[in-house]
Amino acid sequence: MALLITEECISCGACLPECPNEAIFETRSDAETKGYHVGDGQGVGDSIYVITHERCTECVGHFDEPQCAAVCPVDNCCISDPAYPESTEVLLERARRLNPDKEIDPNKVWSGVRNG
């Protein structure tokens, strides 16, 4: 996972339909029940939404910016996860694997992707 949802989350639901990879879950237990990993300390107590590591592509290949952050009414609620820096190539490959029937555009990359 390249992004995480902070404790500032108000569980408004704006991000859920926007994620092209279905990487966002209403609770940590929802994600874990489906077999996905959630970062340590995230979504504890099932009080905030979570993003799963295996499905987040930071919207690379889909959009010019992460859609969860773009629609979130809370500033800095959806941020880069310092524990999981991933390159453009890793994110593009994940987007292709998760969305085999969609066209993935390698030019759709936002400035926050941590290449290096």
Protein backbone atom coordinates (compact mmCIF):
# COMPACT_ATOMS: atom_id res chain seq x y z
CA MET A 1 0.00 0.00 0.00
CA ALA A 2 1.24 3.39 -0.83
CA LEU A 3 -1.38 5.53 0.92
CA LEU A 4 -2.98 5.43 4.34
CA ILE A 5 -5.95 7.07 6.00
CA THR A 6 -5.10 8.99 9.16
CA GLU A 7 -6.97 9.19 12.44
CA GLU A 8 -8.54 12.41 11.12
CA CYS A 9 -10.97 10.26 9.09
CA ILE A 10 -14.63 11.11 9.73
CA SER A 11 -15.93 7.96 7.99
CA CYS A 12 -17.98 10.01 5.53
CA GLY A 13 -17.73 7.46 2.71
CA ALA A 14 -16.68 9.92 -0.01
CA CYS A 15 -13.59 7.88 -0.88
CA LEU A 16 -15.19 4.43 -1.19
CA PRO A 17 -16.75 4.75 -4.66
CA GLU A 18 -13.78 6.72 -6.02
CA CYS A 19 -11.08 4.07 -5.57
CA PRO A 20 -10.40 2.36 -8.92
CA ASN A 21 -8.90 -0.65 -7.15
CA GLU A 22 -11.43 -1.20 -4.36
CA ALA A 23 -8.59 -0.77 -1.85
CA ILE A 24 -10.58 1.15 0.77
CA PHE A 25 -12.61 -0.56 3.47
CA GLU A 26 -14.91 0.90 6.12
CA THR A 27 -13.13 -0.97 8.90
CA ARG A 28 -9.88 -2.79 9.54
CA SER A 29 -11.80 -5.99 10.29
CA ASP A 30 -13.65 -5.75 6.93
CA ALA A 31 -10.30 -5.69 5.12
CA GLU A 32 -8.76 -8.42 7.22
CA THR A 33 -11.82 -10.66 6.88
CA LYS A 34 -11.26 -10.53 3.11
CA GLY A 35 -7.61 -11.52 3.63
CA TYR A 36 -6.00 -8.10 3.11
CA HIS A 37 -3.22 -6.62 5.19
CA VAL A 38 -3.61 -3.26 6.92
CA GLY A 39 -0.64 -1.38 8.33
CA ASP A 40 0.20 -1.61 12.02
CA GLY A 41 -1.79 0.86 14.08
CA GLN A 42 -4.19 1.75 11.25
CA GLY A 43 -7.93 1.49 11.74
CA VAL A 44 -7.52 0.22 15.29
CA GLY A 45 -10.90 -0.18 16.92
CA ASP A 46 -12.61 -0.08 13.53
CA SER A 47 -13.27 3.64 13.92
CA ILE A 48 -11.72 4.90 10.66
CA TYR A 49 -11.53 3.71 7.07
CA VAL A 50 -8.44 1.81 5.94
CA ILE A 51 -6.56 1.24 2.70
CA THR A 52 -5.13 -2.22 2.01
CA HIS A 53 -1.52 -2.65 0.95
CA GLU A 54 -2.24 -5.19 -1.75
CA ARG A 55 -4.72 -3.06 -3.70
CA CYS A 56 -3.58 0.57 -3.47
CA THR A 57 -1.81 1.98 -6.52
CA GLU A 58 -2.01 5.66 -5.47
CA CYS A 59 -4.32 5.83 -8.54
CA VAL A 60 -1.22 5.58 -10.76
CA GLY A 61 -2.32 4.48 -14.22
CA HIS A 62 -5.86 5.69 -13.57
CA PHE A 63 -5.73 9.36 -12.52
CA ASP A 64 -3.31 12.27 -12.10
CA GLU A 65 -3.86 12.29 -8.33
CA PRO A 66 -5.11 9.88 -5.66
CA GLN A 67 -8.88 10.03 -5.78
CA CYS A 68 -9.35 9.32 -2.07
CA ALA A 69 -7.38 12.46 -1.23
CA ALA A 70 -9.08 14.48 -3.98
CA VAL A 71 -12.60 13.87 -2.65
CA CYS A 72 -11.88 13.76 1.07
CA PRO A 73 -13.38 16.72 2.96
CA VAL A 74 -10.61 16.48 5.61
CA ASP A 75 -7.21 17.97 4.77
CA ASN A 76 -4.31 15.52 4.91
CA CYS A 77 -6.49 12.55 5.77
CA CYS A 78 -5.24 10.37 2.89
CA ILE A 79 -1.44 10.52 2.88
CA SER A 80 1.59 8.59 1.66
CA ASP A 81 2.37 5.69 3.96
CA PRO A 82 6.00 6.06 5.07
CA ALA A 83 6.22 2.31 5.69
CA TYR A 84 5.42 1.41 2.08
CA PRO A 85 7.22 3.62 -0.46
CA GLU A 86 6.60 2.20 -3.92
CA SER A 87 7.87 3.25 -7.33
CA THR A 88 5.81 4.18 -10.36
CA GLU A 89 6.68 0.87 -12.02
CA VAL A 90 5.53 -1.19 -9.02
CA LEU A 91 2.28 0.78 -8.85
CA LEU A 92 1.66 0.49 -12.60
CA GLU A 93 2.23 -3.27 -12.53
CA ARG A 94 -0.19 -3.62 -9.62
CA ALA A 95 -2.79 -1.51 -11.47
CA ARG A 96 -2.46 -3.76 -14.54
CA ARG A 97 -2.77 -6.93 -12.44
CA LEU A 98 -5.80 -5.67 -10.50
CA ASN A 99 -7.56 -4.26 -13.58
CA PRO A 100 -6.80 -6.55 -16.53
CA ASP A 101 -9.80 -5.25 -18.48
CA LYS A 102 -9.01 -1.54 -18.04
CA GLU A 103 -6.55 0.57 -19.98
CA ILE A 104 -3.76 1.63 -17.64
CA ASP A 105 -2.09 4.88 -18.73
CA PRO A 106 1.60 5.05 -17.68
CA ASN A 107 1.42 8.85 -17.95
CA LYS A 108 -1.16 9.07 -15.15
CA VAL A 109 1.22 9.60 -12.24
CA TRP A 110 1.00 12.21 -9.51
CA SER A 111 3.94 14.19 -8.14
CA GLY A 112 3.79 12.46 -4.74
CA VAL A 113 4.88 9.03 -6.01
CA ARG A 114 8.13 8.19 -4.25
CA ASN A 115 10.53 7.11 -6.96
CA GLY A 116 14.00 6.73 -5.62
